[in-house]
C-alpha cells in the first residue's frame, strides 16, 4: 500500500526483498543491515510476520510495540498488508502539486 500492489513470496522473505520483487521502492542506505532506519514501514494489524528480532526491537525502541517495522528485518510468515511511505522528495512534489491545485480552485 498505498499502490495496492500484491506479490507472493516464500515465508521468511524480508519485507524489503518482497517490495523489491514487486518493484516497490523502499529507501535504504545501509543495504538492509538495520543500520540506517530508512526502510521503516507500517504493517496493518492482523498481518502475519515473524516476531521482531532483538536487532530490530533495539533499533525501533519506542516504536517496537506499534505497527512499525524495519522492512529489512521483518520477515513474512503469511498474508501481510504493508504501508510503504512515499520517498520524501516525491511526497514533497505531490504536496506542492496538491497546494497548487487548491490555489487554482480558489480563483
PDB file of N, CA and C in Angstrom:
ATOM      1  N   UNK A   1       0.844  -1.162   0.000  1.00  0.00           N
ATOM      2  CA  UNK A   1       0.000   0.000   0.000  1.00  0.00           C
ATOM      3  C   UNK A   1       0.892   1.229   0.000  1.00  0.00           C
ATOM      4  N   UNK A   2       0.537   2.325  -0.486  1.00  0.00           N
ATOM      5  CA  UNK A   2      -0.793   2.656  -0.977  1.00  0.00           C
ATOM      6  C   UNK A   2      -1.038   2.289  -2.437  1.00  0.00           C
ATOM      7  N   UNK A   3      -0.073   1.705  -3.116  1.00  0.00           N
ATOM      8  CA  UNK A   3      -0.220   1.404  -4.539  1.00  0.00           C
ATOM      9  C   UNK A   3      -1.139   0.218  -4.811  1.00  0.00           C
ATOM     10  N   UNK A   4      -1.430  -0.596  -3.803  1.00  0.00           N
ATOM     11  CA  UNK A   4      -2.302  -1.750  -4.000  1.00  0.00           C
ATOM     12  C   UNK A   4      -1.637  -2.898  -4.741  1.00  0.00           C
ATOM     13  N   UNK A   5      -0.328  -2.945  -4.713  1.00  0.00           N
ATOM     14  CA  UNK A   5       0.428  -3.999  -5.400  1.00  0.00           C
ATOM     15  C   UNK A   5       0.509  -5.224  -4.509  1.00  0.00           C
ATOM     16  N   UNK A   6       0.320  -6.393  -5.104  1.00  0.00           N
ATOM     17  CA  UNK A   6       0.390  -7.660  -4.384  1.00  0.00           C
ATOM     18  C   UNK A   6       1.531  -8.493  -4.957  1.00  0.00           C
ATOM     19  N   UNK A   7       2.244  -9.161  -4.078  1.00  0.00           N
ATOM     20  CA  UNK A   7       3.314 -10.055  -4.511  1.00  0.00           C
ATOM     21  C   UNK A   7       3.281 -11.286  -3.620  1.00  0.00           C
ATOM     22  N   UNK A   8       3.580 -12.427  -4.203  1.00  0.00           N
ATOM     23  CA  UNK A   8       3.628 -13.679  -3.447  1.00  0.00           C
ATOM     24  C   UNK A   8       5.093 -14.047  -3.235  1.00  0.00           C
ATOM     25  N   UNK A   9       5.448 -14.277  -1.964  1.00  0.00           N
ATOM     26  CA  UNK A   9       6.824 -14.629  -1.613  1.00  0.00           C
ATOM     27  C   UNK A   9       6.806 -15.803  -0.645  1.00  0.00           C
ATOM     28  N   UNK A  10       7.941 -16.419  -0.488  1.00  0.00           N
ATOM     29  CA  UNK A  10       8.061 -17.541   0.446  1.00  0.00           C
ATOM     30  C   UNK A  10       8.132 -17.032   1.880  1.00  0.00           C
ATOM     31  N   UNK A  11       7.622 -17.828   2.831  1.00  0.00           N
ATOM     32  CA  UNK A  11       7.773 -17.466   4.239  1.00  0.00           C
ATOM     33  C   UNK A  11       9.249 -17.264   4.571  1.00  0.00           C
ATOM     34  N   UNK A  12       9.519 -16.258   5.382  1.00  0.00           N
ATOM     35  CA  UNK A  12      10.891 -15.944   5.755  1.00  0.00           C
ATOM     36  C   UNK A  12      11.511 -14.838   4.923  1.00  0.00           C
ATOM     37  N   UNK A  13      10.842 -14.447   3.826  1.00  0.00           N
ATOM     38  CA  UNK A  13      11.331 -13.354   2.987  1.00  0.00           C
ATOM     39  C   UNK A  13      11.169 -12.034   3.728  1.00  0.00           C
ATOM     40  N   UNK A  14      12.180 -11.174   3.669  1.00  0.00           N
ATOM     41  CA  UNK A  14      12.036  -9.866   4.310  1.00  0.00           C
ATOM     42  C   UNK A  14      11.054  -9.012   3.507  1.00  0.00           C
ATOM     43  N   UNK A  15      10.446  -8.057   4.191  1.00  0.00           N
ATOM     44  CA  UNK A  15       9.539  -7.139   3.507  1.00  0.00           C
ATOM     45  C   UNK A  15      10.294  -6.322   2.459  1.00  0.00           C
ATOM     46  N   UNK A  16      11.561  -6.009   2.729  1.00  0.00           N
ATOM     47  CA  UNK A  16      12.375  -5.267   1.773  1.00  0.00           C
ATOM     48  C   UNK A  16      12.558  -6.072   0.486  1.00  0.00           C
ATOM     49  N   UNK A  17      12.874  -7.348   0.622  1.00  0.00           N
ATOM     50  CA  UNK A  17      13.035  -8.198  -0.559  1.00  0.00           C
ATOM     51  C   UNK A  17      11.708  -8.392  -1.291  1.00  0.00           C
ATOM     52  N   UNK A  18      10.625  -8.521  -0.550  1.00  0.00           N
ATOM     53  CA  UNK A  18       9.304  -8.653  -1.171  1.00  0.00           C
ATOM     54  C   UNK A  18       8.959  -7.390  -1.947  1.00  0.00           C
ATOM     55  N   UNK A  19       9.258  -6.233  -1.375  1.00  0.00           N
ATOM     56  CA  UNK A  19       8.985  -4.970  -2.058  1.00  0.00           C
ATOM     57  C   UNK A  19       9.817  -4.861  -3.337  1.00  0.00           C
ATOM     58  N   UNK A  20      11.062  -5.232  -3.253  1.00  0.00           N
ATOM     59  CA  UNK A  20      11.919  -5.188  -4.454  1.00  0.00           C
ATOM     60  C   UNK A  20      11.367  -6.102  -5.543  1.00  0.00           C
ATOM     61  N   UNK A  21      10.916  -7.263  -5.134  1.00  0.00           N
ATOM     62  CA  UNK A  21      10.350  -8.204  -6.108  1.00  0.00           C
ATOM     63  C   UNK A  21       9.098  -7.623  -6.769  1.00  0.00           C
ATOM     64  N   UNK A  22       8.348  -6.817  -6.009  1.00  0.00           N
ATOM     65  CA  UNK A  22       7.122  -6.195  -6.529  1.00  0.00           C
ATOM     66  C   UNK A  22       7.409  -4.855  -7.214  1.00  0.00           C
ATOM     67  N   UNK A  23       8.680  -4.476  -7.304  1.00  0.00           N
ATOM     68  CA  UNK A  23       9.088  -3.201  -7.901  1.00  0.00           C
ATOM     69  C   UNK A  23       8.508  -2.011  -7.135  1.00  0.00           C
ATOM     70  N   UNK A  24       8.444  -2.157  -5.814  1.00  0.00           N
ATOM     71  CA  UNK A  24       8.017  -1.072  -4.932  1.00  0.00           C
ATOM     72  C   UNK A  24       9.278  -0.558  -4.239  1.00  0.00           C
ATOM     73  N   UNK A  25       9.661   0.682  -4.511  1.00  0.00           N
ATOM     74  CA  UNK A  25      10.903   1.184  -3.920  1.00  0.00           C
ATOM     75  C   UNK A  25      10.769   1.484  -2.431  1.00  0.00           C
ATOM     76  N   UNK A  26      11.711   0.979  -1.676  1.00  0.00           N
ATOM     77  CA  UNK A  26      11.852   1.323  -0.264  1.00  0.00           C
ATOM     78  C   UNK A  26      13.285   1.810  -0.105  1.00  0.00           C
ATOM     79  N   UNK A  27      13.411   3.024   0.404  1.00  0.00           N
ATOM     80  CA  UNK A  27      14.739   3.623   0.569  1.00  0.00           C
ATOM     81  C   UNK A  27      15.524   2.910   1.666  1.00  0.00           C
ATOM     82  N   UNK A  28      16.793   2.733   1.402  1.00  0.00           N
ATOM     83  CA  UNK A  28      17.714   2.188   2.397  1.00  0.00           C
ATOM     84  C   UNK A  28      19.110   2.676   2.060  1.00  0.00           C
ATOM     85  N   UNK A  29      19.841   3.011   3.060  1.00  0.00           N
ATOM     86  CA  UNK A  29      21.203   3.478   2.850  1.00  0.00           C
ATOM     87  C   UNK A  29      22.213   2.411   3.265  1.00  0.00           C
ATOM     88  N   UNK A  30      21.785   1.500   4.137  1.00  0.00           N
ATOM     89  CA  UNK A  30      22.719   0.527   4.715  1.00  0.00           C
ATOM     90  C   UNK A  30      22.708  -0.817   3.988  1.00  0.00           C
ATOM     91  N   UNK A  31      21.875  -0.946   2.965  1.00  0.00           N
ATOM     92  CA  UNK A  31      21.821  -2.207   2.237  1.00  0.00           C
ATOM     93  C   UNK A  31      21.072  -3.308   2.972  1.00  0.00           C
ATOM     94  N   UNK A  32      20.209  -2.928   3.908  1.00  0.00           N
ATOM     95  CA  UNK A  32      19.394  -3.913   4.611  1.00  0.00           C
ATOM     96  C   UNK A  32      20.038  -4.516   5.840  1.00  0.00           C
ATOM     97  N   UNK A  33      20.878  -3.766   6.517  1.00  0.00           N
ATOM     98  CA  UNK A  33      21.576  -4.271   7.704  1.00  0.00           C
ATOM     99  C   UNK A  33      21.061  -3.650   9.005  1.00  0.00           C
ATOM    100  N   UNK A  34      19.895  -3.004   8.953  1.00  0.00           N
ATOM    101  CA  UNK A  34      19.284  -2.364  10.129  1.00  0.00           C
ATOM    102  C   UNK A  34      20.182  -1.295  10.724  1.00  0.00           C
ATOM    103  N   UNK A  35      20.917  -0.592   9.888  1.00  0.00           N
ATOM    104  CA  UNK A  35      21.818   0.438  10.387  1.00  0.00           C
ATOM    105  C   UNK A  35      21.342   1.858  10.085  1.00  0.00           C
ATOM    106  N   UNK A  36      20.420   2.021   9.147  1.00  0.00           N
ATOM    107  CA  UNK A  36      20.068   3.386   8.737  1.00  0.00           C
ATOM    108  C   UNK A  36      18.659   3.811   9.136  1.00  0.00           C
ATOM    109  N   UNK A  37      17.765   2.895   9.418  1.00  0.00           N
ATOM    110  CA  UNK A  37      16.400   3.202   9.857  1.00  0.00           C
ATOM    111  C   UNK A  37      15.529   3.790   8.743  1.00  0.00           C
ATOM    112  N   UNK A  38      16.025   3.838   7.512  1.00  0.00           N
ATOM    113  CA  UNK A  38      15.279   4.459   6.419  1.00  0.00           C
ATOM    114  C   UNK A  38      14.175   3.571   5.852  1.00  0.00           C
ATOM    115  N   UNK A  39      14.226   2.282   6.104  1.00  0.00           N
ATOM    116  CA  UNK A  39      13.286   1.351   5.475  1.00  0.00           C
ATOM    117  C   UNK A  39      12.067   1.063   6.349  1.00  0.00           C
ATOM    118  N   UNK A  40      11.805   1.958   7.292  1.00  0.00           N
ATOM    119  CA  UNK A  40      10.681   1.755   8.211  1.00  0.00           C
ATOM    120  C   UNK A  40       9.361   1.785   7.440  1.00  0.00           C
ATOM    121  N   UNK A  41       8.494   0.808   7.724  1.00  0.00           N
ATOM    122  CA  UNK A  41       7.172   0.710   7.120  1.00  0.00           C
ATOM    123  C   UNK A  41       6.146   0.514   8.233  1.00  0.00           C
ATOM    124  N   UNK A  42       4.884   0.647   7.885  1.00  0.00           N
ATOM    125  CA  UNK A  42       3.806   0.388   8.831  1.00  0.00           C
ATOM    126  C   UNK A  42       3.054  -0.841   8.363  1.00  0.00           C
ATOM    127  N   UNK A  43       2.841  -1.770   9.270  1.00  0.00           N
ATOM    128  CA  UNK A  43       2.169  -3.026   8.946  1.00  0.00           C
ATOM    129  C   UNK A  43       0.758  -2.989   9.521  1.00  0.00           C
ATOM    130  N   UNK A  44      -0.201  -3.364   8.702  1.00  0.00           N
ATOM    131  CA  UNK A  44      -1.598  -3.378   9.138  1.00  0.00           C
ATOM    132  C   UNK A  44      -1.814  -4.451  10.204  1.00  0.00           C
ATOM    133  N   UNK A  45      -2.661  -4.165  11.195  1.00  0.00           N
ATOM    134  CA  UNK A  45      -2.983  -5.183  12.201  1.00  0.00           C
ATOM    135  C   UNK A  45      -3.504  -6.460  11.532  1.00  0.00           C
ATOM    136  N   UNK A  46      -3.119  -7.588  12.075  1.00  0.00           N
ATOM    137  CA  UNK A  46      -3.529  -8.877  11.518  1.00  0.00           C
ATOM    138  C   UNK A  46      -2.560  -9.431  10.494  1.00  0.00           C
ATOM    139  N   UNK A  47      -1.571  -8.630  10.095  1.00  0.00           N
ATOM    140  CA  UNK A  47      -0.571  -9.114   9.149  1.00  0.00           C
ATOM    141  C   UNK A  47       0.284 -10.170   9.822  1.00  0.00           C
ATOM    142  N   UNK A  48       0.628 -11.197   9.061  1.00  0.00           N
ATOM    143  CA  UNK A  48       1.376 -12.322   9.632  1.00  0.00           C
ATOM    144  C   UNK A  48       2.863 -12.197   9.296  1.00  0.00           C
ATOM    145  N   UNK A  49       3.588 -11.675  10.282  1.00  0.00           N
ATOM    146  CA  UNK A  49       5.038 -11.558  10.184  1.00  0.00           C
ATOM    147  C   UNK A  49       5.669 -12.329  11.324  1.00  0.00           C
ATOM    148  N   UNK A  50       6.898 -12.767  11.130  1.00  0.00           N
ATOM    149  CA  UNK A  50       7.629 -13.408  12.217  1.00  0.00           C
ATOM    150  C   UNK A  50       7.857 -12.376  13.318  1.00  0.00           C
ATOM    151  N   UNK A  51       7.974 -12.808  14.553  1.00  0.00           N
ATOM    152  CA  UNK A  51       8.210 -11.863  15.653  1.00  0.00           C
ATOM    153  C   UNK A  51       9.480 -11.042  15.420  1.00  0.00           C
ATOM    154  N   UNK A  52       9.495  -9.865  16.008  1.00  0.00           N
ATOM    155  CA  UNK A  52      10.623  -8.954  15.897  1.00  0.00           C
ATOM    156  C   UNK A  52      11.861  -9.565  16.546  1.00  0.00           C
ATOM    157  N   UNK A  53      12.969  -9.498  15.857  1.00  0.00           N
ATOM    158  CA  UNK A  53      14.229  -9.941  16.422  1.00  0.00           C
ATOM    159  C   UNK A  53      14.824  -8.861  17.310  1.00  0.00           C
ATOM    160  N   UNK A  54      15.845  -9.218  18.051  1.00  0.00           N
ATOM    161  CA  UNK A  54      16.460  -8.294  19.002  1.00  0.00           C
ATOM    162  C   UNK A  54      17.019  -7.054  18.320  1.00  0.00           C
ATOM    163  N   UNK A  55      17.670  -7.234  17.169  1.00  0.00           N
ATOM    164  CA  UNK A  55      18.270  -6.098  16.467  1.00  0.00           C
ATOM    165  C   UNK A  55      17.194  -5.097  16.041  1.00  0.00           C
ATOM    166  N   UNK A  56      16.093  -5.604  15.496  1.00  0.00           N
ATOM    167  CA  UNK A  56      15.007  -4.721  15.069  1.00  0.00           C
ATOM    168  C   UNK A  56      14.351  -4.049  16.275  1.00  0.00           C
ATOM    169  N   UNK A  57      14.116  -4.794  17.322  1.00  0.00           N
ATOM    170  CA  UNK A  57      13.488  -4.245  18.526  1.00  0.00           C
ATOM    171  C   UNK A  57      14.354  -3.124  19.123  1.00  0.00           C
ATOM    172  N   UNK A  58      15.665  -3.343  19.178  1.00  0.00           N
ATOM    173  CA  UNK A  58      16.574  -2.322  19.698  1.00  0.00           C
ATOM    174  C   UNK A  58      16.572  -1.077  18.822  1.00  0.00           C
ATOM    175  N   UNK A  59      16.507  -1.272  17.524  1.00  0.00           N
ATOM    176  CA  UNK A  59      16.526  -0.145  16.603  1.00  0.00           C
ATOM    177  C   UNK A  59      15.245   0.674  16.701  1.00  0.00           C
ATOM    178  N   UNK A  60      14.111   0.005  16.813  1.00  0.00           N
ATOM    179  CA  UNK A  60      12.829   0.713  16.868  1.00  0.00           C
ATOM    180  C   UNK A  60      12.540   1.288  18.252  1.00  0.00           C
ATOM    181  N   UNK A  61      13.092   0.719  19.288  1.00  0.00           N
ATOM    182  CA  UNK A  61      12.928   1.178  20.672  1.00  0.00           C
ATOM    183  C   UNK A  61      11.478   1.481  20.995  1.00  0.00           C
ATOM    184  N   UNK A  62      11.103   2.741  21.043  1.00  0.00           N
ATOM    185  CA  UNK A  62       9.747   3.142  21.454  1.00  0.00           C
ATOM    186  C   UNK A  62       8.682   2.624  20.485  1.00  0.00           C
ATOM    187  N   UNK A  63       9.020   2.473  19.214  1.00  0.00           N
ATOM    188  CA  UNK A  63       8.045   2.004  18.229  1.00  0.00           C
ATOM    189  C   UNK A  63       7.919   0.500  18.166  1.00  0.00           C
ATOM    190  N   UNK A  64       8.632  -0.209  19.017  1.00  0.00           N
ATOM    191  CA  UNK A  64       8.651  -1.668  18.957  1.00  0.00           C
ATOM    192  C   UNK A  64       7.302  -2.292  19.282  1.00  0.00           C
ATOM    193  N   UNK A  65       6.448  -1.580  19.985  1.00  0.00           N
ATOM    194  CA  UNK A  65       5.132  -2.118  20.322  1.00  0.00           C
ATOM    195  C   UNK A  65       4.052  -1.671  19.346  1.00  0.00           C
ATOM    196  N   UNK A  66       4.421  -0.836  18.376  1.00  0.00           N
ATOM    197  CA  UNK A  66       3.441  -0.350  17.410  1.00  0.00           C
ATOM    198  C   UNK A  66       3.462  -1.235  16.168  1.00  0.00           C
ATOM    199  N   UNK A  67       2.877  -0.753  15.116  1.00  0.00           N
ATOM    200  CA  UNK A  67       2.847  -1.496  13.852  1.00  0.00           C
ATOM    201  C   UNK A  67       4.011  -1.118  12.950  1.00  0.00           C
ATOM    202  N   UNK A  68       4.967  -0.369  13.470  1.00  0.00           N
ATOM    203  CA  UNK A  68       6.133  -0.009  12.680  1.00  0.00           C
ATOM    204  C   UNK A  68       7.124  -1.166  12.670  1.00  0.00           C
ATOM    205  N   UNK A  69       7.686  -1.398  11.492  1.00  0.00           N
ATOM    206  CA  UNK A  69       8.703  -2.443  11.356  1.00  0.00           C
ATOM    207  C   UNK A  69       9.781  -1.951  10.405  1.00  0.00           C
ATOM    208  N   UNK A  70      10.966  -2.520  10.539  1.00  0.00           N
ATOM    209  CA  UNK A  70      12.033  -2.270   9.582  1.00  0.00           C
ATOM    210  C   UNK A  70      11.882  -3.303   8.476  1.00  0.00           C
ATOM    211  N   UNK A  71      11.695  -2.848   7.248  1.00  0.00           N
ATOM    212  CA  UNK A  71      11.426  -3.795   6.163  1.00  0.00           C
ATOM    213  C   UNK A  71      12.604  -4.720   5.896  1.00  0.00           C
ATOM    214  N   UNK A  72      13.817  -4.300   6.277  1.00  0.00           N
ATOM    215  CA  UNK A  72      14.980  -5.156   6.062  1.00  0.00           C
ATOM    216  C   UNK A  72      15.067  -6.278   7.086  1.00  0.00           C
ATOM    217  N   UNK A  73      14.326  -6.160   8.184  1.00  0.00           N
ATOM    218  CA  UNK A  73      14.378  -7.145   9.256  1.00  0.00           C
ATOM    219  C   UNK A  73      13.095  -7.956   9.388  1.00  0.00           C
ATOM    220  N   UNK A  74      11.953  -7.342   9.108  1.00  0.00           N
ATOM    221  CA  UNK A  74      10.660  -8.013   9.255  1.00  0.00           C
ATOM    222  C   UNK A  74      10.506  -9.086   8.186  1.00  0.00           C
ATOM    223  N   UNK A  75      10.139 -10.272   8.622  1.00  0.00           N
ATOM    224  CA  UNK A  75      10.022 -11.410   7.698  1.00  0.00           C
ATOM    225  C   UNK A  75       8.578 -11.906   7.630  1.00  0.00           C
ATOM    226  N   UNK A  76       8.173 -12.219   6.421  1.00  0.00           N
ATOM    227  CA  UNK A  76       6.816 -12.671   6.140  1.00  0.00           C
ATOM    228  C   UNK A  76       6.604 -14.072   6.697  1.00  0.00           C
ATOM    229  N   UNK A  77       5.445 -14.259   7.318  1.00  0.00           N
ATOM    230  CA  UNK A  77       5.044 -15.586   7.780  1.00  0.00           C
ATOM    231  C   UNK A  77       3.774 -16.033   7.051  1.00  0.00           C
ATOM    232  N   UNK A  78       3.008 -15.078   6.600  1.00  0.00           N
ATOM    233  CA  UNK A  78       1.748 -15.337   5.888  1.00  0.00           C
ATOM    234  C   UNK A  78       1.302 -14.052   5.222  1.00  0.00           C
ATOM    235  N   UNK A  79       0.004 -13.892   5.040  1.00  0.00           N
ATOM    236  CA  UNK A  79      -0.517 -12.679   4.408  1.00  0.00           C
ATOM    237  C   UNK A  79      -0.177 -11.449   5.239  1.00  0.00           C
ATOM    238  N   UNK A  80       0.253 -10.399   4.563  1.00  0.00           N
ATOM    239  CA  UNK A  80       0.609  -9.156   5.250  1.00  0.00           C
ATOM    240  C   UNK A  80       0.244  -7.974   4.363  1.00  0.00           C
ATOM    241  N   UNK A  81      -0.238  -6.927   4.999  1.00  0.00           N
ATOM    242  CA  UNK A  81      -0.508  -5.672   4.306  1.00  0.00           C
ATOM    243  C   UNK A  81       0.453  -4.643   4.876  1.00  0.00           C
ATOM    244  N   UNK A  82       1.245  -4.057   3.991  1.00  0.00           N
ATOM    245  CA  UNK A  82       2.320  -3.158   4.409  1.00  0.00           C
ATOM    246  C   UNK A  82       2.138  -1.804   3.736  1.00  0.00           C
ATOM    247  N   UNK A  83       2.186  -0.759   4.541  1.00  0.00           N
ATOM    248  CA  UNK A  83       2.119   0.604   4.016  1.00  0.00           C
ATOM    249  C   UNK A  83       3.530   1.147   3.893  1.00  0.00           C
ATOM    250  N   UNK A  84       3.934   1.429   2.660  1.00  0.00           N
ATOM    251  CA  UNK A  84       5.270   1.941   2.376  1.00  0.00           C
ATOM    252  C   UNK A  84       5.169   3.449   2.210  1.00  0.00           C
ATOM    253  N   UNK A  85       5.908   4.208   3.015  1.00  0.00           N
ATOM    254  CA  UNK A  85       5.838   5.668   2.872  1.00  0.00           C
ATOM    255  C   UNK A  85       6.430   6.108   1.536  1.00  0.00           C
ATOM    256  N   UNK A  86       5.915   7.213   1.034  1.00  0.00           N
ATOM    257  CA  UNK A  86       6.469   7.772  -0.193  1.00  0.00           C
ATOM    258  C   UNK A  86       7.878   8.263   0.051  1.00  0.00           C
ATOM    259  N   UNK A  87       8.691   8.205  -0.973  1.00  0.00           N
ATOM    260  CA  UNK A  87      10.007   8.808  -0.939  1.00  0.00           C
ATOM    261  C   UNK A  87       9.819  10.283  -0.565  1.00  0.00           C
ATOM    262  N   UNK A  88      10.638  10.837   0.343  1.00  0.00           N
ATOM    263  CA  UNK A  88      10.439  12.218   0.787  1.00  0.00           C
ATOM    264  C   UNK A  88      10.389  13.244  -0.346  1.00  0.00           C
ATOM    265  N   UNK A  89      11.215  13.084  -1.368  1.00  0.00           N
ATOM    266  CA  UNK A  89      11.203  14.017  -2.493  1.00  0.00           C
ATOM    267  C   UNK A  89       9.882  13.919  -3.253  1.00  0.00           C
ATOM    268  N   UNK A  90       9.457  12.708  -3.510  1.00  0.00           N
ATOM    269  CA  UNK A  90       8.185  12.513  -4.220  1.00  0.00           C
ATOM    270  C   UNK A  90       7.014  13.055  -3.387  1.00  0.00           C
ATOM    271  N   UNK A  91       7.044  12.822  -2.086  1.00  0.00           N
ATOM    272  CA  UNK A  91       5.991  13.325  -1.209  1.00  0.00           C
ATOM    273  C   UNK A  91       5.942  14.853  -1.254  1.00  0.00           C
ATOM    274  N   UNK A  92       7.105  15.498  -1.260  1.00  0.00           N
ATOM    275  CA  UNK A  92       7.156  16.963  -1.318  1.00  0.00           C
ATOM    276  C   UNK A  92       6.591  17.481  -2.635  1.00  0.00           C
ATOM    277  N   UNK A  93       6.924  16.827  -3.735  1.00  0.00           N
ATOM    278  CA  UNK A  93       6.403  17.230  -5.042  1.00  0.00           C
ATOM    279  C   UNK A  93       4.886  17.066  -5.086  1.00  0.00           C
ATOM    280  N   UNK A  94       4.374  15.941  -4.603  1.00  0.00           N
ATOM    281  CA  UNK A  94       2.927  15.722  -4.592  1.00  0.00           C
ATOM    282  C   UNK A  94       2.215  16.750  -3.720  1.00  0.00           C
ATOM    283  N   UNK A  95       2.831  17.113  -2.600  1.00  0.00           N
ATOM    284  CA  UNK A  95       2.243  18.122  -1.717  1.00  0.00           C
ATOM    285  C   UNK A  95       2.171  19.468  -2.423  1.00  0.00           C
ATOM    286  N   UNK A  96       3.246  19.849  -3.115  1.00  0.00           N
ATOM    287  CA  UNK A  96       3.265  21.107  -3.864  1.00  0.00           C
ATOM    288  C   UNK A  96       2.206  21.106  -4.965  1.00  0.00           C
ATOM    289  N   UNK A  97       2.058  19.998  -5.669  1.00  0.00           N
ATOM    290  CA  UNK A  97       1.045  19.902  -6.722  1.00  0.00           C
ATOM    291  C   UNK A  97      -0.356  20.043  -6.146  1.00  0.00           C
ATOM    292  N   UNK A  98      -0.599  19.400  -4.999  1.00  0.00           N
ATOM    293  CA  UNK A  98      -1.907  19.496  -4.356  1.00  0.00           C
ATOM    294  C   UNK A  98      -2.188  20.928  -3.922  1.00  0.00           C
ATOM    295  N   UNK A  99      -1.174  21.606  -3.383  1.00  0.00           N
ATOM    296  CA  UNK A  99      -1.342  23.001  -2.979  1.00  0.00           C
ATOM    297  C   UNK A  99      -1.633  23.889  -4.187  1.00  0.00           C
ATOM    298  N   UNK A 100      -0.937  23.629  -5.280  1.00  0.00           N
ATOM    299  CA  UNK A 100      -1.157  24.416  -6.495  1.00  0.00           C
ATOM    300  C   UNK A 100      -2.580  24.224  -7.003  1.00  0.00           C
ATOM    301  N   UNK A 101      -3.086  22.998  -6.950  1.00  0.00           N
ATOM    302  CA  UNK A 101      -4.466  22.732  -7.379  1.00  0.00           C
ATOM    303  C   UNK A 101      -5.459  23.478  -6.488  1.00  0.00           C
ATOM    304  N   UNK A 102      -5.193  23.459  -5.177  1.00  0.00           N
ATOM    305  CA  UNK A 102      -6.076  24.187  -4.248  1.00  0.00           C
ATOM    306  C   UNK A 102      -6.040  25.676  -4.539  1.00  0.00           C
ATOM    307  N   UNK A 103      -4.859  26.216  -4.765  1.00  0.00           N
ATOM    308  CA  UNK A 103      -4.734  27.642  -5.059  1.00  0.00           C
ATOM    309  C   UNK A 103      -5.488  28.005  -6.333  1.00  0.00           C
ATOM    310  N   UNK A 104      -5.395  27.153  -7.357  1.00  0.00           N
ATOM    311  CA  UNK A 104      -6.114  27.402  -8.607  1.00  0.00           C
ATOM    312  C   UNK A 104      -7.627  27.354  -8.422  1.00  0.00           C
ATOM    313  N   UNK A 105      -8.085  26.450  -7.542  1.00  0.00           N
ATOM    314  CA  UNK A 105      -9.526  26.306  -7.351  1.00  0.00           C
ATOM    315  C   UNK A 105     -10.115  27.461  -6.559  1.00  0.00           C
ATOM    316  N   UNK A 106      -9.272  28.223  -5.858  1.00  0.00           N
ATOM    317  CA  UNK A 106      -9.751  29.371  -5.092  1.00  0.00           C
ATOM    318  C   UNK A 106     -10.086  30.552  -5.997  1.00  0.00           C
ATOM    319  N   UNK A 107      -9.544  30.573  -7.208  1.00  0.00           N
ATOM    320  CA  UNK A 107      -9.777  31.692  -8.120  1.00  0.00           C
ATOM    321  C   UNK A 107     -10.911  31.363  -8.990  1.00  0.00           C
TER     322      UNK A 107
END
